[in-house]
Amino acid sequence: MTDFREDLKRIDAPTLVVHSDADRIVPSAASGKRTHGFVKGSRLVVVEGGPHGITWTHAEKVNRELLDLLGQRTSSVRTFSEAA
């Protein structure tokens, strides 16, 4: 197994760590919280009660957090047809 902890310490880009507090496959304490601790200046978002696949089950929450990271608001995002 590869140890990426030293690589995580070198990340200097805005970083969003999203993890669920109920992930039974990869527990937050072993992954999300540790990643947040290694990536300086990262932002940790914990999705309460979400399973392992939060990008599927909690897509609205994950997408909202991603848009916030990118400095956008959902009201200002245009759809593909609006942009054409």
PDB file of N, CA and C in Angstrom:
ATOM      1  N   MET A   1       0.838  -1.175   0.000  1.00  0.00           N
ATOM      2  CA  MET A   1       0.000   0.000   0.000  1.00  0.00           C
ATOM      3  C   MET A   1       0.894   1.253   0.000  1.00  0.00           C
ATOM      4  N   THR A   2       0.557   2.229  -0.820  1.00  0.00           N
ATOM      5  CA  THR A   2       1.337   3.450  -0.940  1.00  0.00           C
ATOM      6  C   THR A   2       0.930   4.455   0.125  1.00  0.00           C
ATOM      7  N   ASP A   3       1.897   5.097   0.727  1.00  0.00           N
ATOM      8  CA  ASP A   3       1.660   6.114   1.758  1.00  0.00           C
ATOM      9  C   ASP A   3       1.777   7.496   1.106  1.00  0.00           C
ATOM     10  N   PHE A   4       0.663   8.207   1.006  1.00  0.00           N
ATOM     11  CA  PHE A   4       0.633   9.508   0.341  1.00  0.00           C
ATOM     12  C   PHE A   4       0.680  10.688   1.305  1.00  0.00           C
ATOM     13  N   ARG A   5       0.930  10.453   2.587  1.00  0.00           N
ATOM     14  CA  ARG A   5       0.882  11.540   3.566  1.00  0.00           C
ATOM     15  C   ARG A   5       1.841  12.680   3.238  1.00  0.00           C
ATOM     16  N   GLU A   6       3.037  12.377   2.818  1.00  0.00           N
ATOM     17  CA  GLU A   6       3.989  13.444   2.476  1.00  0.00           C
ATOM     18  C   GLU A   6       3.542  14.213   1.241  1.00  0.00           C
ATOM     19  N   ASP A   7       2.911  13.532   0.294  1.00  0.00           N
ATOM     20  CA  ASP A   7       2.375  14.195  -0.898  1.00  0.00           C
ATOM     21  C   ASP A   7       1.257  15.159  -0.512  1.00  0.00           C
ATOM     22  N   LEU A   8       0.389  14.734   0.405  1.00  0.00           N
ATOM     23  CA  LEU A   8      -0.713  15.592   0.839  1.00  0.00           C
ATOM     24  C   LEU A   8      -0.193  16.882   1.468  1.00  0.00           C
ATOM     25  N   LYS A   9       0.899  16.813   2.171  1.00  0.00           N
ATOM     26  CA  LYS A   9       1.477  17.993   2.822  1.00  0.00           C
ATOM     27  C   LYS A   9       1.967  19.024   1.812  1.00  0.00           C
ATOM     28  N   ARG A  10       2.231  18.608   0.576  1.00  0.00           N
ATOM     29  CA  ARG A  10       2.745  19.521  -0.448  1.00  0.00           C
ATOM     30  C   ARG A  10       1.651  20.200  -1.266  1.00  0.00           C
ATOM     31  N   ILE A  11       0.409  19.826  -1.071  1.00  0.00           N
ATOM     32  CA  ILE A  11      -0.690  20.445  -1.821  1.00  0.00           C
ATOM     33  C   ILE A  11      -0.837  21.890  -1.379  1.00  0.00           C
ATOM     34  N   ASP A  12      -0.836  22.804  -2.355  1.00  0.00           N
ATOM     35  CA  ASP A  12      -0.962  24.228  -2.031  1.00  0.00           C
ATOM     36  C   ASP A  12      -2.104  24.898  -2.788  1.00  0.00           C
ATOM     37  N   ALA A  13      -3.014  24.103  -3.300  1.00  0.00           N
ATOM     38  CA  ALA A  13      -4.192  24.612  -4.000  1.00  0.00           C
ATOM     39  C   ALA A  13      -5.393  24.548  -3.062  1.00  0.00           C
ATOM     40  N   PRO A  14      -6.397  25.392  -3.300  1.00  0.00           N
ATOM     41  CA  PRO A  14      -7.610  25.303  -2.481  1.00  0.00           C
ATOM     42  C   PRO A  14      -8.154  23.874  -2.526  1.00  0.00           C
ATOM     43  N   THR A  15      -8.394  23.313  -1.357  1.00  0.00           N
ATOM     44  CA  THR A  15      -8.777  21.908  -1.279  1.00  0.00           C
ATOM     45  C   THR A  15     -10.004  21.732  -0.399  1.00  0.00           C
ATOM     46  N   LEU A  16     -10.973  21.024  -0.938  1.00  0.00           N
ATOM     47  CA  LEU A  16     -12.186  20.704  -0.203  1.00  0.00           C
ATOM     48  C   LEU A  16     -12.171  19.211   0.078  1.00  0.00           C
ATOM     49  N   VAL A  17     -12.271  18.847   1.341  1.00  0.00           N
ATOM     50  CA  VAL A  17     -12.353  17.442   1.739  1.00  0.00           C
ATOM     51  C   VAL A  17     -13.790  17.211   2.200  1.00  0.00           C
ATOM     52  N   VAL A  18     -14.509  16.355   1.482  1.00  0.00           N
ATOM     53  CA  VAL A  18     -15.896  16.053   1.820  1.00  0.00           C
ATOM     54  C   VAL A  18     -15.969  14.588   2.225  1.00  0.00           C
ATOM     55  N   HIS A  19     -16.522  14.341   3.392  1.00  0.00           N
ATOM     56  CA  HIS A  19     -16.615  12.971   3.885  1.00  0.00           C
ATOM     57  C   HIS A  19     -17.862  12.835   4.734  1.00  0.00           C
ATOM     58  N   SER A  20     -18.349  11.629   4.846  1.00  0.00           N
ATOM     59  CA  SER A  20     -19.531  11.360   5.654  1.00  0.00           C
ATOM     60  C   SER A  20     -19.133  10.873   7.038  1.00  0.00           C
ATOM     61  N   ASP A  21     -19.935  11.209   8.017  1.00  0.00           N
ATOM     62  CA  ASP A  21     -19.658  10.716   9.369  1.00  0.00           C
ATOM     63  C   ASP A  21     -20.222   9.313   9.592  1.00  0.00           C
ATOM     64  N   ALA A  22     -20.915   8.761   8.590  1.00  0.00           N
ATOM     65  CA  ALA A  22     -21.508   7.431   8.723  1.00  0.00           C
ATOM     66  C   ALA A  22     -20.990   6.453   7.667  1.00  0.00           C
ATOM     67  N   ASP A  23     -19.868   6.771   7.040  1.00  0.00           N
ATOM     68  CA  ASP A  23     -19.271   5.895   6.032  1.00  0.00           C
ATOM     69  C   ASP A  23     -18.699   4.666   6.740  1.00  0.00           C
ATOM     70  N   ARG A  24     -19.274   3.507   6.485  1.00  0.00           N
ATOM     71  CA  ARG A  24     -18.820   2.291   7.158  1.00  0.00           C
ATOM     72  C   ARG A  24     -17.737   1.571   6.367  1.00  0.00           C
ATOM     73  N   ILE A  25     -17.473   2.003   5.149  1.00  0.00           N
ATOM     74  CA  ILE A  25     -16.420   1.379   4.342  1.00  0.00           C
ATOM     75  C   ILE A  25     -15.085   2.074   4.585  1.00  0.00           C
ATOM     76  N   VAL A  26     -15.094   3.410   4.541  1.00  0.00           N
ATOM     77  CA  VAL A  26     -13.898   4.213   4.822  1.00  0.00           C
ATOM     78  C   VAL A  26     -14.288   5.234   5.887  1.00  0.00           C
ATOM     79  N   PRO A  27     -14.073   4.915   7.150  1.00  0.00           N
ATOM     80  CA  PRO A  27     -14.472   5.826   8.226  1.00  0.00           C
ATOM     81  C   PRO A  27     -13.805   7.192   8.124  1.00  0.00           C
ATOM     82  N   SER A  28     -14.563   8.213   8.466  1.00  0.00           N
ATOM     83  CA  SER A  28     -14.075   9.588   8.387  1.00  0.00           C
ATOM     84  C   SER A  28     -12.799   9.797   9.195  1.00  0.00           C
ATOM     85  N   ALA A  29     -12.725   9.229  10.365  1.00  0.00           N
ATOM     86  CA  ALA A  29     -11.542   9.410  11.211  1.00  0.00           C
ATOM     87  C   ALA A  29     -10.284   8.862  10.543  1.00  0.00           C
ATOM     88  N   ALA A  30     -10.432   7.832   9.728  1.00  0.00           N
ATOM     89  CA  ALA A  30      -9.290   7.209   9.075  1.00  0.00           C
ATOM     90  C   ALA A  30      -8.954   7.843   7.731  1.00  0.00           C
ATOM     91  N   SER A  31      -9.857   8.660   7.208  1.00  0.00           N
ATOM     92  CA  SER A  31      -9.632   9.207   5.871  1.00  0.00           C
ATOM     93  C   SER A  31      -9.867  10.706   5.797  1.00  0.00           C
ATOM     94  N   GLY A  32     -11.115  11.131   5.833  1.00  0.00           N
ATOM     95  CA  GLY A  32     -11.443  12.545   5.650  1.00  0.00           C
ATOM     96  C   GLY A  32     -10.769  13.462   6.649  1.00  0.00           C
ATOM     97  N   LYS A  33     -10.861  13.129   7.921  1.00  0.00           N
ATOM     98  CA  LYS A  33     -10.261  13.981   8.955  1.00  0.00           C
ATOM     99  C   LYS A  33      -8.741  13.982   8.864  1.00  0.00           C
ATOM    100  N   ARG A  34      -8.167  12.844   8.552  1.00  0.00           N
ATOM    101  CA  ARG A  34      -6.703  12.771   8.414  1.00  0.00           C
ATOM    102  C   ARG A  34      -6.228  13.548   7.184  1.00  0.00           C
ATOM    103  N   THR A  35      -6.951  13.410   6.081  1.00  0.00           N
ATOM    104  CA  THR A  35      -6.594  14.155   4.870  1.00  0.00           C
ATOM    105  C   THR A  35      -6.647  15.647   5.144  1.00  0.00           C
ATOM    106  N   HIS A  36      -7.707  16.091   5.780  1.00  0.00           N
ATOM    107  CA  HIS A  36      -7.845  17.507   6.150  1.00  0.00           C
ATOM    108  C   HIS A  36      -6.665  17.957   7.005  1.00  0.00           C
ATOM    109  N   GLY A  37      -6.226  17.124   7.894  1.00  0.00           N
ATOM    110  CA  GLY A  37      -5.087  17.462   8.745  1.00  0.00           C
ATOM    111  C   GLY A  37      -3.778  17.581   7.990  1.00  0.00           C
ATOM    112  N   PHE A  38      -3.625  16.821   6.934  1.00  0.00           N
ATOM    113  CA  PHE A  38      -2.386  16.856   6.154  1.00  0.00           C
ATOM    114  C   PHE A  38      -2.351  17.970   5.120  1.00  0.00           C
ATOM    115  N   VAL A  39      -3.502  18.348   4.571  1.00  0.00           N
ATOM    116  CA  VAL A  39      -3.548  19.366   3.517  1.00  0.00           C
ATOM    117  C   VAL A  39      -3.746  20.731   4.180  1.00  0.00           C
ATOM    118  N   LYS A  40      -2.679  21.487   4.225  1.00  0.00           N
ATOM    119  CA  LYS A  40      -2.690  22.791   4.887  1.00  0.00           C
ATOM    120  C   LYS A  40      -3.722  23.720   4.249  1.00  0.00           C
ATOM    121  N   GLY A  41      -4.565  24.311   5.081  1.00  0.00           N
ATOM    122  CA  GLY A  41      -5.560  25.255   4.592  1.00  0.00           C
ATOM    123  C   GLY A  41      -6.777  24.616   3.953  1.00  0.00           C
ATOM    124  N   SER A  42      -6.881  23.304   4.013  1.00  0.00           N
ATOM    125  CA  SER A  42      -8.047  22.647   3.400  1.00  0.00           C
ATOM    126  C   SER A  42      -9.288  22.911   4.230  1.00  0.00           C
ATOM    127  N   ARG A  43     -10.424  22.716   3.592  1.00  0.00           N
ATOM    128  CA  ARG A  43     -11.711  22.867   4.271  1.00  0.00           C
ATOM    129  C   ARG A  43     -12.370  21.502   4.353  1.00  0.00           C
ATOM    130  N   LEU A  44     -12.779  21.107   5.550  1.00  0.00           N
ATOM    131  CA  LEU A  44     -13.427  19.828   5.760  1.00  0.00           C
ATOM    132  C   LEU A  44     -14.924  20.031   5.898  1.00  0.00           C
ATOM    133  N   VAL A  45     -15.676  19.293   5.110  1.00  0.00           N
ATOM    134  CA  VAL A  45     -17.130  19.287   5.206  1.00  0.00           C
ATOM    135  C   VAL A  45     -17.537  17.864   5.552  1.00  0.00           C
ATOM    136  N   VAL A  46     -18.249  17.725   6.664  1.00  0.00           N
ATOM    137  CA  VAL A  46     -18.720  16.414   7.088  1.00  0.00           C
ATOM    138  C   VAL A  46     -20.217  16.333   6.790  1.00  0.00           C
ATOM    139  N   VAL A  47     -20.597  15.354   5.995  1.00  0.00           N
ATOM    140  CA  VAL A  47     -21.995  15.135   5.645  1.00  0.00           C
ATOM    141  C   VAL A  47     -22.583  14.189   6.689  1.00  0.00           C
ATOM    142  N   GLU A  48     -23.512  14.698   7.451  1.00  0.00           N
ATOM    143  CA  GLU A  48     -24.101  13.910   8.535  1.00  0.00           C
ATOM    144  C   GLU A  48     -24.987  12.792   8.005  1.00  0.00           C
ATOM    145  N   GLY A  49     -24.722  11.588   8.479  1.00  0.00           N
ATOM    146  CA  GLY A  49     -25.556  10.439   8.165  1.00  0.00           C
ATOM    147  C   GLY A  49     -25.411   9.866   6.781  1.00  0.00           C
ATOM    148  N   GLY A  50     -24.499  10.377   5.999  1.00  0.00           N
ATOM    149  CA  GLY A  50     -24.352   9.881   4.631  1.00  0.00           C
ATOM    150  C   GLY A  50     -23.595   8.572   4.573  1.00  0.00           C
ATOM    151  N   PRO A  51     -23.877   7.751   3.576  1.00  0.00           N
ATOM    152  CA  PRO A  51     -23.161   6.494   3.397  1.00  0.00           C
ATOM    153  C   PRO A  51     -21.848   6.722   2.651  1.00  0.00           C
ATOM    154  N   HIS A  52     -21.237   5.649   2.215  1.00  0.00           N
ATOM    155  CA  HIS A  52     -19.966   5.728   1.496  1.00  0.00           C
ATOM    156  C   HIS A  52     -20.095   6.531   0.196  1.00  0.00           C
ATOM    157  N   GLY A  53     -21.181   6.405  -0.514  1.00  0.00           N
ATOM    158  CA  GLY A  53     -21.350   7.058  -1.823  1.00  0.00           C
ATOM    159  C   GLY A  53     -22.070   8.388  -1.742  1.00  0.00           C
ATOM    160  N   ILE A  54     -21.553   9.340  -0.970  1.00  0.00           N
ATOM    161  CA  ILE A  54     -22.271  10.604  -0.765  1.00  0.00           C
ATOM    162  C   ILE A  54     -22.389  11.449  -2.029  1.00  0.00           C
ATOM    163  N   THR A  55     -21.517  11.236  -2.992  1.00  0.00           N
ATOM    164  CA  THR A  55     -21.666  12.004  -4.237  1.00  0.00           C
ATOM    165  C   THR A  55     -22.936  11.596  -4.969  1.00  0.00           C
ATOM    166  N   TRP A  56     -23.433  10.411  -4.691  1.00  0.00           N
ATOM    167  CA  TRP A  56     -24.682   9.924  -5.283  1.00  0.00           C
ATOM    168  C   TRP A  56     -25.875  10.246  -4.384  1.00  0.00           C
ATOM    169  N   THR A  57     -25.762   9.916  -3.107  1.00  0.00           N
ATOM    170  CA  THR A  57     -26.896  10.048  -2.197  1.00  0.00           C
ATOM    171  C   THR A  57     -27.104  11.472  -1.680  1.00  0.00           C
ATOM    172  N   HIS A  58     -26.057  12.259  -1.642  1.00  0.00           N
ATOM    173  CA  HIS A  58     -26.128  13.628  -1.136  1.00  0.00           C
ATOM    174  C   HIS A  58     -25.534  14.605  -2.154  1.00  0.00           C
ATOM    175  N   ALA A  59     -25.874  14.371  -3.427  1.00  0.00           N
ATOM    176  CA  ALA A  59     -25.299  15.158  -4.527  1.00  0.00           C
ATOM    177  C   ALA A  59     -25.546  16.654  -4.357  1.00  0.00           C
ATOM    178  N   GLU A  60     -26.726  17.040  -3.902  1.00  0.00           N
ATOM    179  CA  GLU A  60     -27.029  18.472  -3.753  1.00  0.00           C
ATOM    180  C   GLU A  60     -26.074  19.131  -2.754  1.00  0.00           C
ATOM    181  N   LYS A  61     -25.838  18.481  -1.633  1.00  0.00           N
ATOM    182  CA  LYS A  61     -24.932  19.013  -0.613  1.00  0.00           C
ATOM    183  C   LYS A  61     -23.501  19.073  -1.146  1.00  0.00           C
ATOM    184  N   VAL A  62     -23.050  18.009  -1.764  1.00  0.00           N
ATOM    185  CA  VAL A  62     -21.686  17.961  -2.305  1.00  0.00           C
ATOM    186  C   VAL A  62     -21.509  19.026  -3.380  1.00  0.00           C
ATOM    187  N   ASN A  63     -22.467  19.140  -4.288  1.00  0.00           N
ATOM    188  CA  ASN A  63     -22.375  20.135  -5.359  1.00  0.00           C
ATOM    189  C   ASN A  63     -22.389  21.555  -4.816  1.00  0.00           C
ATOM    190  N   ARG A  64     -23.205  21.813  -3.804  1.00  0.00           N
ATOM    191  CA  ARG A  64     -23.250  23.139  -3.182  1.00  0.00           C
ATOM    192  C   ARG A  64     -21.881  23.506  -2.587  1.00  0.00           C
ATOM    193  N   GLU A  65     -21.259  22.538  -1.937  1.00  0.00           N
ATOM    194  CA  GLU A  65     -19.938  22.778  -1.350  1.00  0.00           C
ATOM    195  C   GLU A  65     -18.885  23.007  -2.428  1.00  0.00           C
ATOM    196  N   LEU A  66     -18.981  22.258  -3.521  1.00  0.00           N
ATOM    197  CA  LEU A  66     -18.048  22.458  -4.631  1.00  0.00           C
ATOM    198  C   LEU A  66     -18.218  23.839  -5.259  1.00  0.00           C
ATOM    199  N   LEU A  67     -19.465  24.262  -5.447  1.00  0.00           N
ATOM    200  CA  LEU A  67     -19.715  25.591  -6.008  1.00  0.00           C
ATOM    201  C   LEU A  67     -19.198  26.684  -5.072  1.00  0.00           C
ATOM    202  N   ASP A  68     -19.373  26.494  -3.774  1.00  0.00           N
ATOM    203  CA  ASP A  68     -18.825  27.462  -2.820  1.00  0.00           C
ATOM    204  C   ASP A  68     -17.315  27.527  -2.938  1.00  0.00           C
ATOM    205  N   LEU A  69     -16.668  26.377  -3.074  1.00  0.00           N
ATOM    206  CA  LEU A  69     -15.214  26.348  -3.232  1.00  0.00           C
ATOM    207  C   LEU A  69     -14.786  27.120  -4.482  1.00  0.00           C
ATOM    208  N   LEU A  70     -15.561  26.986  -5.526  1.00  0.00           N
ATOM    209  CA  LEU A  70     -15.227  27.656  -6.787  1.00  0.00           C
ATOM    210  C   LEU A  70     -15.650  29.122  -6.814  1.00  0.00           C
ATOM    211  N   GLY A  71     -16.300  29.563  -5.737  1.00  0.00           N
ATOM    212  CA  GLY A  71     -16.695  30.969  -5.660  1.00  0.00           C
ATOM    213  C   GLY A  71     -17.940  31.294  -6.438  1.00  0.00           C
ATOM    214  N   GLN A  72     -18.761  30.295  -6.694  1.00  0.00           N
ATOM    215  CA  GLN A  72     -19.991  30.501  -7.433  1.00  0.00           C
ATOM    216  C   GLN A  72     -21.177  30.247  -6.526  1.00  0.00           C
ATOM    217  N   ARG A  73     -22.313  30.698  -6.935  1.00  0.00           N
ATOM    218  CA  ARG A  73     -23.571  30.407  -6.258  1.00  0.00           C
ATOM    219  C   ARG A  73     -24.475  29.719  -7.264  1.00  0.00           C
ATOM    220  N   THR A  74     -25.310  28.826  -6.795  1.00  0.00           N
ATOM    221  CA  THR A  74     -26.161  28.075  -7.716  1.00  0.00           C
ATOM    222  C   THR A  74     -27.062  28.987  -8.533  1.00  0.00           C
ATOM    223  N   SER A  75     -27.433  30.148  -8.005  1.00  0.00           N
ATOM    224  CA  SER A  75     -28.303  31.051  -8.754  1.00  0.00           C
ATOM    225  C   SER A  75     -27.580  31.691  -9.939  1.00  0.00           C
ATOM    226  N   SER A  76     -26.248  31.719  -9.907  1.00  0.00           N
ATOM    227  CA  SER A  76     -25.509  32.352 -10.991  1.00  0.00           C
ATOM    228  C   SER A  76     -24.960  31.339 -12.001  1.00  0.00           C
ATOM    229  N   VAL A  77     -25.202  30.071 -11.772  1.00  0.00           N
ATOM    230  CA  VAL A  77     -24.715  29.040 -12.694  1.00  0.00           C
ATOM    231  C   VAL A  77     -25.713  28.883 -13.822  1.00  0.00           C
ATOM    232  N   ARG A  78     -25.211  29.028 -15.048  1.00  0.00           N
ATOM    233  CA  ARG A  78     -26.073  28.873 -16.215  1.00  0.00           C
ATOM    234  C   ARG A  78     -26.009  27.460 -16.715  1.00  0.00           C
ATOM    235  N   THR A  79     -27.113  26.974 -17.233  1.00  0.00           N
ATOM    236  CA  THR A  79     -27.123  25.647 -17.825  1.00  0.00           C
ATOM    237  C   THR A  79     -26.496  25.722 -19.208  1.00  0.00           C
ATOM    238  N   PHE A  80     -26.195  24.579 -19.788  1.00  0.00           N
ATOM    239  CA  PHE A  80     -25.586  24.528 -21.102  1.00  0.00           C
ATOM    240  C   PHE A  80     -26.469  25.232 -22.134  1.00  0.00           C
ATOM    241  N   SER A  81     -27.764  25.024 -22.081  1.00  0.00           N
ATOM    242  CA  SER A  81     -28.659  25.641 -23.066  1.00  0.00           C
ATOM    243  C   SER A  81     -28.726  27.153 -22.884  1.00  0.00           C
ATOM    244  N   GLU A  82     -28.605  27.640 -21.658  1.00  0.00           N
ATOM    245  CA  GLU A  82     -28.605  29.091 -21.414  1.00  0.00           C
ATOM    246  C   GLU A  82     -27.327  29.748 -21.914  1.00  0.00           C
ATOM    247  N   ALA A  83     -26.223  29.008 -21.870  1.00  0.00           N
ATOM    248  CA  ALA A  83     -24.939  29.551 -22.272  1.00  0.00           C
ATOM    249  C   ALA A  83     -24.785  29.604 -23.787  1.00  0.00           C
ATOM    250  N   ALA A  84     -25.553  28.781 -24.499  1.00  0.00           N
ATOM    251  CA  ALA A  84     -25.412  28.682 -25.973  1.00  0.00           C
ATOM    252  C   ALA A  84     -26.013  29.860 -26.687  1.00  0.00           C
TER     253      ALA A  84
END
